[in-house]
Amino acid sequence: MKTSSKEDFRSHCAVNYGVEIFGDRWSLLIIRDIVFVGKKTYGQFLKSEEGIASNVLASRLAFLEGQGVLLKSPNPDDKRKDFYTLTEKGLDLIPIVLNIVLWSAQHDPKSYVRKLDAFVTRLSQNPTLVSEELKALVRNGGCLFPESKE
C-alpha cells in the first residue's frame, strides 16, 4: 500500500492534516484498543466489537505505521506475529481520544464510560494530568483497562 506523504494531503490546513491521519473511525478505534485495553496484534484488533474487515484493518495498520503513528515490531514470543505500539506521535493522540470519551459520556446515554463515574470526573477535572499519566502508562506497555484485553 502506498502511504501518504505531506505532499499527498488535500491541503495543509491543520484540521485537514489531522482528519487525513486519524479522521476515519478505524484509525481511532485501533488507537483506542491500544490505549484502553492493550491490544497489540492484528488478531486482537480483528476481534474488536465493531467488526473491522481484515483488509481494512491491514490497510489502516500499514497507513498508521507509514505516518509514524504506530511502530510494528516482531512479537518476541512468536516471530510470525507482529506487535503494534504507539510512537510518540501516536501517544500525542491520547488527549484527543480522551476528549472524545468525555464528549461521548455527555451525549451518548448508552455510553459504557457512563459507568465509570470516578474516571470521567477525574478526566473532566484534570484532563492534562490524566492524559500525561495515560501516555506514560502506554509508553511503558500498559493500558487503562488491562483486564479487558482479548
Protein backbone atom coordinates (compact mmCIF):
# COMPACT_ATOMS: atom_id res chain seq x y z
CA MET A 1 0.00 0.00 0.00
CA LYS A 2 1.22 3.47 -0.82
CA THR A 3 1.37 5.65 2.24
CA SER A 4 0.61 9.32 2.03
CA SER A 5 3.25 11.94 2.41
CA LYS A 6 2.51 15.52 3.35
CA GLU A 7 2.51 16.37 -0.35
CA ASP A 8 -0.42 13.98 -0.87
CA PHE A 9 -2.72 15.84 1.52
CA ARG A 10 -5.61 17.78 0.06
CA SER A 11 -4.48 20.89 1.90
CA HIS A 12 -2.09 21.93 4.66
CA CYS A 13 -4.92 23.17 6.87
CA ALA A 14 -4.27 21.95 10.43
CA VAL A 15 -7.73 20.37 10.70
CA ASN A 16 -7.33 18.62 7.34
CA TYR A 17 -3.95 17.17 8.33
CA GLY A 18 -5.45 15.61 11.45
CA VAL A 19 -8.51 14.33 9.62
CA GLU A 20 -6.35 12.72 6.94
CA ILE A 21 -4.22 10.93 9.57
CA PHE A 22 -6.80 9.84 12.15
CA GLY A 23 -10.15 11.05 10.85
CA ASP A 24 -11.63 7.71 9.90
CA ARG A 25 -13.30 5.58 12.55
CA TRP A 26 -10.92 2.65 12.20
CA SER A 27 -7.74 4.59 12.96
CA LEU A 28 -9.17 5.98 16.17
CA LEU A 29 -10.56 2.58 17.17
CA ILE A 30 -7.14 0.97 16.69
CA ILE A 31 -5.62 3.68 18.88
CA ARG A 32 -8.43 3.17 21.42
CA ASP A 33 -7.73 -0.57 21.52
CA ILE A 34 -4.05 0.01 22.26
CA VAL A 35 -4.64 2.69 24.91
CA PHE A 36 -7.66 1.30 26.71
CA VAL A 37 -7.30 -2.48 26.53
CA GLY A 38 -3.70 -3.06 25.47
CA LYS A 39 -4.25 -4.79 22.16
CA LYS A 40 -1.04 -5.23 20.20
CA THR A 41 -1.60 -7.81 17.43
CA TYR A 42 -3.56 -7.93 14.19
CA GLY A 43 -5.67 -10.79 15.58
CA GLN A 44 -6.56 -8.84 18.71
CA PHE A 45 -7.62 -5.79 16.68
CA LEU A 46 -9.70 -8.02 14.41
CA LYS A 47 -11.74 -9.19 17.44
CA SER A 48 -12.94 -5.68 18.34
CA GLU A 49 -16.70 -5.45 18.71
CA GLU A 50 -17.08 -3.01 15.80
CA GLY A 51 -16.18 -5.77 13.33
CA ILE A 52 -13.46 -4.27 11.14
CA ALA A 53 -12.88 -6.15 7.88
CA SER A 54 -9.48 -7.83 7.63
CA ASN A 55 -8.45 -5.90 4.51
CA VAL A 56 -9.45 -2.58 6.09
CA LEU A 57 -7.51 -3.43 9.25
CA ALA A 58 -4.39 -4.34 7.29
CA SER A 59 -4.66 -1.11 5.30
CA ARG A 60 -5.17 1.10 8.38
CA LEU A 61 -2.30 -0.53 10.30
CA ALA A 62 0.03 -0.03 7.32
CA PHE A 63 -1.15 3.57 6.87
CA LEU A 64 -0.70 4.45 10.56
CA GLU A 65 2.73 2.83 10.55
CA GLY A 66 3.66 4.77 7.40
CA GLN A 67 2.54 8.01 9.03
CA GLY A 68 4.67 7.36 12.11
CA VAL A 69 1.72 6.85 14.47
CA LEU A 70 2.36 3.12 15.01
CA LEU A 71 5.54 1.10 15.27
CA LYS A 72 5.44 -2.52 14.08
CA SER A 73 7.91 -4.95 15.62
CA PRO A 74 8.18 -8.74 15.79
CA ASN A 75 6.46 -10.43 18.71
CA PRO A 76 9.33 -11.74 20.86
CA ASP A 77 7.35 -14.90 21.69
CA ASP A 78 6.11 -15.69 18.18
CA LYS A 79 8.12 -14.27 15.26
CA ARG A 80 5.19 -14.98 12.89
CA LYS A 81 3.19 -12.23 14.60
CA ASP A 82 3.86 -8.53 14.88
CA PHE A 83 3.26 -6.17 17.77
CA TYR A 84 1.88 -2.69 17.10
CA THR A 85 2.66 0.06 19.59
CA LEU A 86 2.14 3.79 19.57
CA THR A 87 5.07 6.03 18.71
CA GLU A 88 5.45 9.39 20.47
CA LYS A 89 3.39 10.87 17.62
CA GLY A 90 0.71 8.27 18.32
CA LEU A 91 0.85 8.85 22.08
CA ASP A 92 0.15 12.52 21.37
CA LEU A 93 -3.31 11.43 20.12
CA ILE A 94 -4.31 10.24 23.62
CA PRO A 95 -5.69 13.65 24.70
CA ILE A 96 -7.87 13.71 21.57
CA VAL A 97 -9.21 10.23 22.30
CA LEU A 98 -9.90 11.23 25.91
CA ASN A 99 -11.78 14.33 24.74
CA ILE A 100 -13.93 12.09 22.55
CA VAL A 101 -14.58 9.92 25.64
CA LEU A 102 -15.75 12.98 27.60
CA TRP A 103 -17.93 14.16 24.73
CA SER A 104 -19.49 10.69 24.40
CA ALA A 105 -20.10 10.46 28.16
CA GLN A 106 -22.01 13.72 27.93
CA HIS A 107 -24.01 13.00 24.77
CA ASP A 108 -24.46 9.20 24.46
CA PRO A 109 -26.92 7.96 27.08
CA LYS A 110 -25.81 4.34 26.45
CA SER A 111 -22.04 5.03 26.56
CA TYR A 112 -20.07 2.41 28.52
CA VAL A 113 -18.00 5.19 30.05
CA ARG A 114 -21.00 6.49 31.99
CA LYS A 115 -20.48 3.53 34.34
CA LEU A 116 -17.01 4.86 35.19
CA ASP A 117 -18.03 7.91 37.21
CA ALA A 118 -14.73 8.32 39.06
CA PHE A 119 -12.72 8.15 35.82
CA VAL A 120 -14.99 10.62 33.98
CA THR A 121 -14.94 13.02 36.93
CA ARG A 122 -11.15 12.88 37.23
CA LEU A 123 -10.74 13.28 33.46
CA SER A 124 -13.07 16.29 33.33
CA GLN A 125 -11.37 17.94 36.30
CA ASN A 126 -7.79 17.44 35.13
CA PRO A 127 -7.58 16.24 31.51
CA THR A 128 -3.92 17.20 31.09
CA LEU A 129 -2.78 15.18 34.12
CA VAL A 130 -4.86 12.13 33.11
CA SER A 131 -3.52 12.37 29.54
CA GLU A 132 0.10 12.53 30.69
CA GLU A 133 -0.37 9.64 33.12
CA LEU A 134 -2.00 7.53 30.42
CA LYS A 135 0.72 8.39 27.90
CA ALA A 136 3.37 7.23 30.40
CA LEU A 137 1.43 4.04 31.12
CA VAL A 138 1.02 3.16 27.42
CA ARG A 139 4.63 4.16 26.63
CA ASN A 140 5.69 1.52 29.18
CA GLY A 141 3.49 -1.20 27.68
CA GLY A 142 0.46 -0.74 29.90
CA CYS A 143 -3.13 0.21 29.23
CA LEU A 144 -6.06 1.71 31.11
CA PHE A 145 -8.18 -1.46 31.45
CA PRO A 146 -5.78 -4.43 31.23
CA GLU A 147 -8.37 -6.97 32.38
CA SER A 148 -10.48 -6.23 29.28
CA LYS A 149 -7.83 -7.42 26.77
CA GLU A 150 -8.95 -10.20 24.46
